Amino acid sequence: MESPDADEPIEAPASEADDAAEADDGAEADDGVGGAAPASDLDDTTARDGQYLVREGSLVLVYDGSFERTFDELDDLAEHLGGAIGDIDTDTGPDGAEFGTVGIEVPVDAYDELLRAVADLGEVERRDIRTEDVTGEHVDLSSRLRHAESLEDFYLGLYDDAEDVDEALAISQQLEQVQERIERLRGQLDELEDRAATSTLRVELVPAGYDVDDREPDTAAFGGYWSEAADGFVQVAGTLLVLAVGAIPLLLAGAALVLAGLAARRAWKRTSAPST
């Protein structure tokens, strides 16, 4: 058996390579399925067999009554649908009005029911619901994982049949690379399946009588943070510029004094030098 080169990957048998190619062809055929679906309110977005949908969104809910009661109703609703409350962010205005943002996670098939039930708790002012079909991505990751696992089996067989240490070392290096690829692909696949299995909805709670238009929607939170950071940078840069401009006269005066001192020193040396 010829010793493989550690710098060149060992190819799998033709039958395994053909199986992987067929899997890749299947992934390419489904690439057109992926992408974000048009935003809609209550379209039939229940995942069909073999289909993976990622659903997420946010809305502003104007509630009437107490904040605690509305939160408890959201909590009960999430539990009833087989989900749970995630992150919570609350705030109290100067007049004592209570605001908050509640993250709700439910199974994807219960998402439309969640949207309908939340709307019954108050008045929905803003709504941004997104549905993304990631079936093509799932098919691609699955086929790549199967191909990597077949390569792992192939390298394990070669390793068992290795005739010397150099050959075993070369095969071991290739095997390690394939196993790292397998772990990476499994992690990506698990993350995608988790996103498709559980949908999220961020509900921004605003008390009745408050002007909703004065508040940014939850989906713009990152943009708001970025805007604040940009404004802060401009203020700091402006302050530094003012300080720099104000320091110019001082720097010029200092430079003039230094030049005058140097000139006086040269003149003193000339006058104090012994005559020949």
Protein backbone atom coordinates (compact mmCIF):
# COMPACT_ATOMS: atom_id res chain seq x y z
CA MET A 1 0.00 0.00 0.00
CA GLU A 2 1.48 3.35 -1.10
CA SER A 3 1.96 5.95 1.63
CA PRO A 4 -0.40 8.92 1.13
CA ASP A 5 0.86 12.48 1.06
CA ALA A 6 -0.20 14.34 4.23
CA ASP A 7 -0.61 17.57 2.23
CA GLU A 8 -3.08 16.08 -0.25
CA PRO A 9 -6.51 14.81 0.85
CA ILE A 10 -7.25 11.17 0.14
CA GLU A 11 -10.29 10.77 -2.09
CA ALA A 12 -13.17 8.53 -1.09
CA PRO A 13 -14.06 5.51 -3.22
CA ALA A 14 -16.00 6.28 -6.40
CA SER A 15 -19.27 4.85 -5.07
CA GLU A 16 -19.19 7.13 -2.01
CA ALA A 17 -18.19 10.14 -4.09
CA ASP A 18 -21.10 9.46 -6.47
CA ASP A 19 -23.52 9.29 -3.52
CA ALA A 20 -22.23 12.63 -2.25
CA ALA A 21 -22.55 14.17 -5.72
CA GLU A 22 -26.15 13.01 -5.96
CA ALA A 23 -26.84 14.54 -2.54
CA ASP A 24 -25.28 17.83 -3.69
CA ASP A 25 -27.43 17.77 -6.85
CA GLY A 26 -30.48 17.43 -4.66
CA ALA A 27 -29.38 20.42 -2.60
CA GLU A 28 -28.94 22.55 -5.72
CA ALA A 29 -32.36 21.59 -6.97
CA ASP A 30 -33.90 22.94 -3.77
CA ASP A 31 -31.91 26.19 -3.68
CA GLY A 32 -34.82 28.05 -5.23
CA VAL A 33 -36.95 27.18 -2.23
CA GLY A 34 -34.89 29.22 0.20
CA GLY A 35 -35.18 32.92 0.85
CA ALA A 36 -37.43 35.26 2.76
CA ALA A 37 -41.12 34.95 2.04
CA PRO A 38 -43.14 38.15 1.62
CA ALA A 39 -44.29 39.53 4.95
CA SER A 40 -47.93 38.73 5.66
CA ASP A 41 -50.27 38.82 8.61
CA LEU A 42 -51.97 35.45 8.91
CA ASP A 43 -51.02 33.52 5.78
CA ASP A 44 -50.90 29.74 5.95
CA THR A 45 -47.22 29.38 6.82
CA THR A 46 -47.39 26.01 8.54
CA ALA A 47 -44.37 23.95 7.53
CA ARG A 48 -45.12 21.04 5.23
CA ASP A 49 -43.40 17.67 5.55
CA GLY A 50 -39.68 18.11 4.96
CA GLN A 51 -39.96 21.90 4.97
CA TYR A 52 -38.11 24.14 7.42
CA LEU A 53 -39.48 27.61 8.15
CA VAL A 54 -37.93 30.27 10.37
CA ARG A 55 -40.54 32.72 11.67
CA GLU A 56 -39.82 35.76 13.79
CA GLY A 57 -41.09 39.28 14.21
CA SER A 58 -42.17 42.07 16.50
CA LEU A 59 -45.21 44.21 17.22
CA VAL A 60 -46.30 47.13 19.37
CA LEU A 61 -49.26 46.33 21.62
CA VAL A 62 -51.17 49.16 23.31
CA TYR A 63 -52.59 47.69 26.49
CA ASP A 64 -55.40 49.00 28.69
CA GLY A 65 -55.13 48.25 32.40
CA SER A 66 -52.12 47.20 34.42
CA PHE A 67 -48.79 46.16 33.00
CA GLU A 68 -48.60 43.19 35.38
CA ARG A 69 -51.94 41.81 34.24
CA THR A 70 -51.02 42.12 30.57
CA PHE A 71 -47.66 40.43 31.18
CA ASP A 72 -49.35 37.58 33.07
CA GLU A 73 -51.72 37.08 30.14
CA LEU A 74 -48.78 36.87 27.74
CA ASP A 75 -47.06 34.41 30.05
CA ASP A 76 -50.17 32.21 30.26
CA LEU A 77 -50.59 32.39 26.49
CA ALA A 78 -47.00 31.30 25.82
CA GLU A 79 -47.36 28.37 28.22
CA HIS A 80 -50.71 27.36 26.67
CA LEU A 81 -49.08 27.21 23.21
CA GLY A 82 -46.19 25.09 24.43
CA GLY A 83 -43.71 27.92 24.62
CA ALA A 84 -42.27 30.29 27.20
CA ILE A 85 -41.35 33.88 27.90
CA GLY A 86 -37.77 34.70 26.98
CA ASP A 87 -36.07 38.01 27.67
CA ILE A 88 -37.93 40.86 29.39
CA ASP A 89 -37.07 44.56 29.41
CA THR A 90 -39.19 47.02 31.43
CA ASP A 91 -39.13 50.78 31.93
CA THR A 92 -41.17 53.37 33.83
CA GLY A 93 -41.82 56.84 32.43
CA PRO A 94 -41.67 60.11 34.41
CA ASP A 95 -45.43 60.00 34.87
CA GLY A 96 -45.34 56.44 36.20
CA ALA A 97 -46.46 54.83 32.92
CA GLU A 98 -45.04 51.31 32.53
CA PHE A 99 -43.49 50.14 29.27
CA GLY A 100 -41.77 46.91 28.38
CA THR A 101 -40.62 44.49 25.72
CA VAL A 102 -41.40 40.81 26.14
CA GLY A 103 -39.85 38.04 24.04
CA ILE A 104 -42.12 35.03 23.44
CA GLU A 105 -40.94 31.69 22.03
CA VAL A 106 -43.42 29.09 20.76
CA PRO A 107 -43.34 26.11 18.37
CA VAL A 108 -43.45 27.28 14.76
CA ASP A 109 -46.84 25.64 14.13
CA ALA A 110 -48.36 27.72 16.95
CA TYR A 111 -47.05 31.05 15.67
CA ASP A 112 -50.20 32.17 13.84
CA GLU A 113 -52.33 31.37 16.89
CA LEU A 114 -49.90 33.39 19.01
CA LEU A 115 -50.30 36.41 16.73
CA ARG A 116 -54.09 36.21 16.86
CA ALA A 117 -54.18 35.78 20.64
CA VAL A 118 -51.78 38.65 21.32
CA ALA A 119 -53.92 40.94 19.17
CA ASP A 120 -56.89 40.15 21.43
CA LEU A 121 -55.03 41.55 24.45
CA GLY A 122 -55.00 45.13 23.19
CA GLU A 123 -54.55 47.21 20.06
CA VAL A 124 -51.74 46.33 17.68
CA GLU A 125 -50.15 49.52 16.35
CA ARG A 126 -47.14 48.19 14.46
CA ARG A 127 -46.35 44.74 13.19
CA ASP A 128 -43.36 43.23 11.40
CA ILE A 129 -43.56 39.46 10.85
CA ARG A 130 -41.00 37.64 8.72
CA THR A 131 -41.05 34.08 7.38
CA GLU A 132 -37.94 32.51 5.84
CA ASP A 133 -37.89 29.13 4.15
CA VAL A 134 -34.52 27.52 4.96
CA THR A 135 -35.31 24.11 3.46
CA GLY A 136 -32.65 24.50 0.77
CA GLU A 137 -30.01 25.38 3.35
CA HIS A 138 -31.02 22.38 5.46
CA VAL A 139 -30.76 20.02 2.48
CA ASP A 140 -27.33 21.41 1.60
CA LEU A 141 -25.96 21.05 5.14
CA SER A 142 -27.42 17.53 5.45
CA SER A 143 -25.84 16.33 2.21
CA ARG A 144 -22.47 17.82 3.13
CA LEU A 145 -22.66 16.13 6.53
CA ARG A 146 -23.44 12.75 4.98
CA HIS A 147 -20.53 13.12 2.58
CA ALA A 148 -18.15 14.06 5.41
CA GLU A 149 -19.32 11.07 7.46
CA SER A 150 -18.68 8.73 4.51
CA LEU A 151 -15.17 10.17 4.22
CA GLU A 152 -14.66 9.55 7.92
CA ASP A 153 -15.58 5.88 7.47
CA PHE A 154 -13.23 5.66 4.50
CA TYR A 155 -10.27 7.13 6.39
CA LEU A 156 -10.94 4.91 9.40
CA GLY A 157 -10.71 1.88 7.12
CA LEU A 158 -7.45 3.13 5.65
CA TYR A 159 -6.06 3.79 9.11
CA ASP A 160 -6.79 0.24 10.23
CA ASP A 161 -4.92 -1.08 7.17
CA ALA A 162 -1.93 1.27 7.45
CA GLU A 163 1.36 -0.57 7.00
CA ASP A 164 3.75 1.83 8.73
CA VAL A 165 3.86 4.84 11.04
CA ASP A 166 4.29 7.44 8.28
CA GLU A 167 1.25 6.16 6.45
CA ALA A 168 -0.83 6.05 9.63
CA LEU A 169 0.23 9.62 10.49
CA ALA A 170 -0.75 10.95 7.05
CA ILE A 171 -4.16 9.27 7.24
CA SER A 172 -4.66 10.52 10.81
CA GLN A 173 -4.13 14.12 9.70
CA GLN A 174 -6.75 13.78 6.96
CA LEU A 175 -9.12 12.06 9.38
CA GLU A 176 -8.77 14.88 11.91
CA GLN A 177 -9.68 17.49 9.28
CA VAL A 178 -12.76 15.53 8.25
CA GLN A 179 -13.90 15.08 11.86
CA GLU A 180 -13.55 18.82 12.49
CA ARG A 181 -15.69 19.44 9.40
CA ILE A 182 -18.30 16.99 10.71
CA GLU A 183 -18.52 18.78 14.08
CA ARG A 184 -18.88 22.15 12.36
CA LEU A 185 -21.62 20.92 10.03
CA ARG A 186 -23.51 19.25 12.87
CA GLY A 187 -23.42 22.49 14.86
CA GLN A 188 -24.74 24.50 11.90
CA LEU A 189 -27.47 21.95 11.26
CA ASP A 190 -28.55 21.85 14.92
CA GLU A 191 -28.71 25.65 15.07
CA LEU A 192 -30.81 25.80 11.90
CA GLU A 193 -33.21 23.13 13.16
CA ASP A 194 -33.58 24.95 16.51
CA ARG A 195 -34.46 28.19 14.72
CA ALA A 196 -37.00 26.39 12.56
CA ALA A 197 -38.55 24.53 15.49
CA THR A 198 -39.10 27.59 17.72
CA SER A 199 -40.46 30.93 16.51
CA THR A 200 -40.00 34.21 18.35
CA LEU A 201 -42.17 37.29 18.78
CA ARG A 202 -41.07 40.46 20.55
CA VAL A 203 -44.02 42.35 21.98
CA GLU A 204 -43.47 46.00 22.91
CA LEU A 205 -46.04 46.98 25.52
CA VAL A 206 -47.24 50.60 25.54
CA PRO A 207 -49.95 51.87 27.94
CA ALA A 208 -53.16 53.25 26.46
CA GLY A 209 -53.17 57.02 26.03
CA TYR A 210 -49.48 57.19 25.23
CA ASP A 211 -48.45 58.51 21.81
CA VAL A 212 -46.97 55.44 20.12
CA ASP A 213 -45.51 57.53 17.30
CA ASP A 214 -43.06 59.04 19.79
CA ARG A 215 -41.47 55.61 20.33
CA GLU A 216 -39.28 53.77 17.89
CA PRO A 217 -40.52 50.26 16.92
CA ASP A 218 -38.62 47.37 18.48
CA THR A 219 -37.12 46.33 15.11
CA ALA A 220 -35.31 49.69 14.97
CA ALA A 221 -33.62 49.24 18.34
CA PHE A 222 -30.24 48.42 16.85
CA GLY A 223 -30.51 51.38 14.50
CA GLY A 224 -31.26 53.60 17.48
CA TYR A 225 -28.23 52.34 19.36
CA TRP A 226 -26.07 52.90 16.30
CA SER A 227 -27.46 56.44 15.87
CA GLU A 228 -26.72 57.25 19.49
CA ALA A 229 -23.19 55.89 19.14
CA ALA A 230 -22.66 57.92 15.96
CA ASP A 231 -23.92 61.10 17.65
CA GLY A 232 -21.57 60.48 20.57
CA PHE A 233 -18.64 60.00 18.19
CA VAL A 234 -19.48 63.26 16.40
CA GLN A 235 -19.64 65.11 19.71
CA VAL A 236 -16.28 63.73 20.87
CA ALA A 237 -14.68 64.46 17.49
CA GLY A 238 -16.08 67.99 17.55
CA THR A 239 -14.72 68.61 21.05
CA LEU A 240 -11.27 67.36 20.04
CA LEU A 241 -11.35 69.61 16.95
CA VAL A 242 -12.27 72.67 19.02
CA LEU A 243 -9.46 71.90 21.47
CA ALA A 244 -7.00 71.43 18.63
CA VAL A 245 -7.98 74.73 16.97
CA GLY A 246 -7.82 76.55 20.30
CA ALA A 247 -4.36 75.14 20.97
CA ILE A 248 -2.89 76.42 17.67
CA PRO A 249 -2.14 79.98 18.97
CA LEU A 250 -0.46 78.54 22.04
CA LEU A 251 1.64 76.23 19.91
CA LEU A 252 2.66 79.10 17.62
CA ALA A 253 3.57 81.30 20.59
CA GLY A 254 5.60 78.48 22.10
CA ALA A 255 7.41 77.91 18.82
CA ALA A 256 8.19 81.65 18.55
CA LEU A 257 9.67 81.67 22.05
CA VAL A 258 11.83 78.66 21.28
CA LEU A 259 13.13 80.27 18.08
CA ALA A 260 13.82 83.54 19.89
CA GLY A 261 15.75 81.70 22.58
CA LEU A 262 17.84 79.86 20.03
CA ALA A 263 18.64 83.11 18.22
CA ALA A 264 19.65 84.85 21.47
CA ARG A 265 21.90 81.94 22.40
CA ARG A 266 23.67 82.03 19.05
CA ALA A 267 24.17 85.81 19.37
CA TRP A 268 25.58 85.43 22.88
CA LYS A 269 28.04 82.78 21.68
CA ARG A 270 29.26 85.09 18.92
CA THR A 271 29.82 88.02 21.29
CA SER A 272 31.45 85.95 24.01
CA ALA A 273 33.79 84.06 21.72
CA PRO A 274 37.53 85.12 22.18
CA SER A 275 38.85 87.29 19.39
CA THR A 276 41.84 86.03 17.39
